[in-house]
Amino acid sequence: MDLIVGGGRFGLKVAEYLNSKGRDFLVLDPNDECEVAKKFRAKVIKAEAKDLEKFIKEFDPEWVFPTAPIHVAAE
């Protein structure tokens, strides 16, 4: 399972790629009606990037895709 941080335009590109490869993913976005949620039946967790560490520990994703319009590591 992979984690996409940000479900907007770039998160949607990642989701399309992961979907084409048959990979499971979830999305971390403050808007649970983000672009990825509109197109896919992906699990969208309504949260901020500052909560990323918590979700990495909880879900143990294989890959993390930081697509949010912020510096994810600094948050």
C-alpha atoms as a PDB file:
ATOM      1  CA  MET A   1       0.000   0.000   0.000  1.00  0.00           C
ATOM      2  CA  ASP A   2       1.226   3.486  -0.875  1.00  0.00           C
ATOM      3  CA  LEU A   3       0.444   6.896   0.604  1.00  0.00           C
ATOM      4  CA  ILE A   4      -0.207  10.015  -1.480  1.00  0.00           C
ATOM      5  CA  VAL A   5       0.127  13.281   0.433  1.00  0.00           C
ATOM      6  CA  GLY A   6      -2.165  15.700  -1.384  1.00  0.00           C
ATOM      7  CA  GLY A   7      -5.112  14.702  -3.529  1.00  0.00           C
ATOM      8  CA  GLY A   8      -5.016  17.589  -5.984  1.00  0.00           C
ATOM      9  CA  ARG A   9      -3.682  17.808  -9.534  1.00  0.00           C
ATOM     10  CA  PHE A  10      -0.341  16.095  -8.893  1.00  0.00           C
ATOM     11  CA  GLY A  11      -1.806  13.606  -6.432  1.00  0.00           C
ATOM     12  CA  LEU A  12      -4.269  12.651  -9.153  1.00  0.00           C
ATOM     13  CA  LYS A  13      -1.392  11.951 -11.569  1.00  0.00           C
ATOM     14  CA  VAL A  14       0.208   9.656  -8.990  1.00  0.00           C
ATOM     15  CA  ALA A  15      -3.131   7.949  -8.286  1.00  0.00           C
ATOM     16  CA  GLU A  16      -3.651   7.308 -12.007  1.00  0.00           C
ATOM     17  CA  TYR A  17      -0.173   5.788 -12.260  1.00  0.00           C
ATOM     18  CA  LEU A  18      -0.599   3.611  -9.163  1.00  0.00           C
ATOM     19  CA  ASN A  19      -4.039   2.503 -10.341  1.00  0.00           C
ATOM     20  CA  SER A  20      -2.598   1.511 -13.736  1.00  0.00           C
ATOM     21  CA  LYS A  21      -0.060  -0.670 -11.894  1.00  0.00           C
ATOM     22  CA  GLY A  22      -2.755  -2.253  -9.733  1.00  0.00           C
ATOM     23  CA  ARG A  23      -1.334  -0.793  -6.518  1.00  0.00           C
ATOM     24  CA  ASP A  24      -3.428   0.042  -3.474  1.00  0.00           C
ATOM     25  CA  PHE A  25      -3.103   3.566  -2.111  1.00  0.00           C
ATOM     26  CA  LEU A  26      -4.627   5.994   0.307  1.00  0.00           C
ATOM     27  CA  VAL A  27      -4.616   9.768   0.211  1.00  0.00           C
ATOM     28  CA  LEU A  28      -3.907  12.274   2.956  1.00  0.00           C
ATOM     29  CA  ASP A  29      -5.651  15.582   2.181  1.00  0.00           C
ATOM     30  CA  PRO A  30      -7.516  18.232   4.203  1.00  0.00           C
ATOM     31  CA  ASN A  31     -10.310  18.071   1.603  1.00  0.00           C
ATOM     32  CA  ASP A  32     -12.030  14.683   1.598  1.00  0.00           C
ATOM     33  CA  GLU A  33     -13.635  15.651  -1.737  1.00  0.00           C
ATOM     34  CA  CYS A  34     -10.271  16.230  -3.439  1.00  0.00           C
ATOM     35  CA  GLU A  35      -9.574  15.403  -7.096  1.00  0.00           C
ATOM     36  CA  VAL A  36      -8.440  11.850  -6.291  1.00  0.00           C
ATOM     37  CA  ALA A  37     -11.598  11.192  -4.256  1.00  0.00           C
ATOM     38  CA  LYS A  38     -13.735  12.392  -7.164  1.00  0.00           C
ATOM     39  CA  LYS A  39     -12.109  10.021  -9.658  1.00  0.00           C
ATOM     40  CA  PHE A  40     -11.219   6.958  -7.585  1.00  0.00           C
ATOM     41  CA  ARG A  41     -12.755   5.016  -4.747  1.00  0.00           C
ATOM     42  CA  ALA A  42      -9.583   5.588  -2.801  1.00  0.00           C
ATOM     43  CA  LYS A  43      -9.519   5.975   0.929  1.00  0.00           C
ATOM     44  CA  VAL A  44      -9.040   9.682   1.628  1.00  0.00           C
ATOM     45  CA  ILE A  45      -8.007  10.619   5.136  1.00  0.00           C
ATOM     46  CA  LYS A  46      -9.029  14.162   5.981  1.00  0.00           C
ATOM     47  CA  ALA A  47      -5.844  15.433   7.619  1.00  0.00           C
ATOM     48  CA  GLU A  48      -2.985  17.892   7.250  1.00  0.00           C
ATOM     49  CA  ALA A  49       0.542  17.083   6.098  1.00  0.00           C
ATOM     50  CA  LYS A  50       1.783  17.824   9.623  1.00  0.00           C
ATOM     51  CA  ASP A  51       0.075  14.549  10.637  1.00  0.00           C
ATOM     52  CA  LEU A  52       2.111  12.551   8.109  1.00  0.00           C
ATOM     53  CA  GLU A  53       4.379  10.873  10.657  1.00  0.00           C
ATOM     54  CA  LYS A  54       1.355   9.479  12.506  1.00  0.00           C
ATOM     55  CA  PHE A  55      -0.070   7.949   9.330  1.00  0.00           C
ATOM     56  CA  ILE A  56       3.270   6.513   8.239  1.00  0.00           C
ATOM     57  CA  LYS A  57       3.491   4.706  11.570  1.00  0.00           C
ATOM     58  CA  GLU A  58      -0.129   3.565  11.384  1.00  0.00           C
ATOM     59  CA  PHE A  59      -0.248   2.341   7.777  1.00  0.00           C
ATOM     60  CA  ASP A  60       3.446   1.540   7.094  1.00  0.00           C
ATOM     61  CA  PRO A  61       3.246   2.452   3.378  1.00  0.00           C
ATOM     62  CA  GLU A  62       5.752   1.006   0.924  1.00  0.00           C
ATOM     63  CA  TRP A  63       6.041   4.371  -0.858  1.00  0.00           C
ATOM     64  CA  VAL A  64       5.103   7.927   0.140  1.00  0.00           C
ATOM     65  CA  PHE A  65       4.360  10.414  -2.648  1.00  0.00           C
ATOM     66  CA  PRO A  66       4.579  14.038  -1.398  1.00  0.00           C
ATOM     67  CA  THR A  67       2.397  15.925  -3.888  1.00  0.00           C
ATOM     68  CA  ALA A  68       0.981  18.603  -1.569  1.00  0.00           C
ATOM     69  CA  PRO A  69       1.901  22.228  -2.397  1.00  0.00           C
ATOM     70  CA  ILE A  70       4.081  22.498   0.717  1.00  0.00           C
ATOM     71  CA  HIS A  71       7.431  21.174   1.890  1.00  0.00           C
ATOM     72  CA  VAL A  72       6.163  17.950   3.445  1.00  0.00           C
ATOM     73  CA  ALA A  73       9.353  17.243   5.430  1.00  0.00           C
ATOM     74  CA  ALA A  74       9.287  20.711   6.999  1.00  0.00           C
ATOM     75  CA  GLU A  75       5.732  20.296   8.200  1.00  0.00           C
END
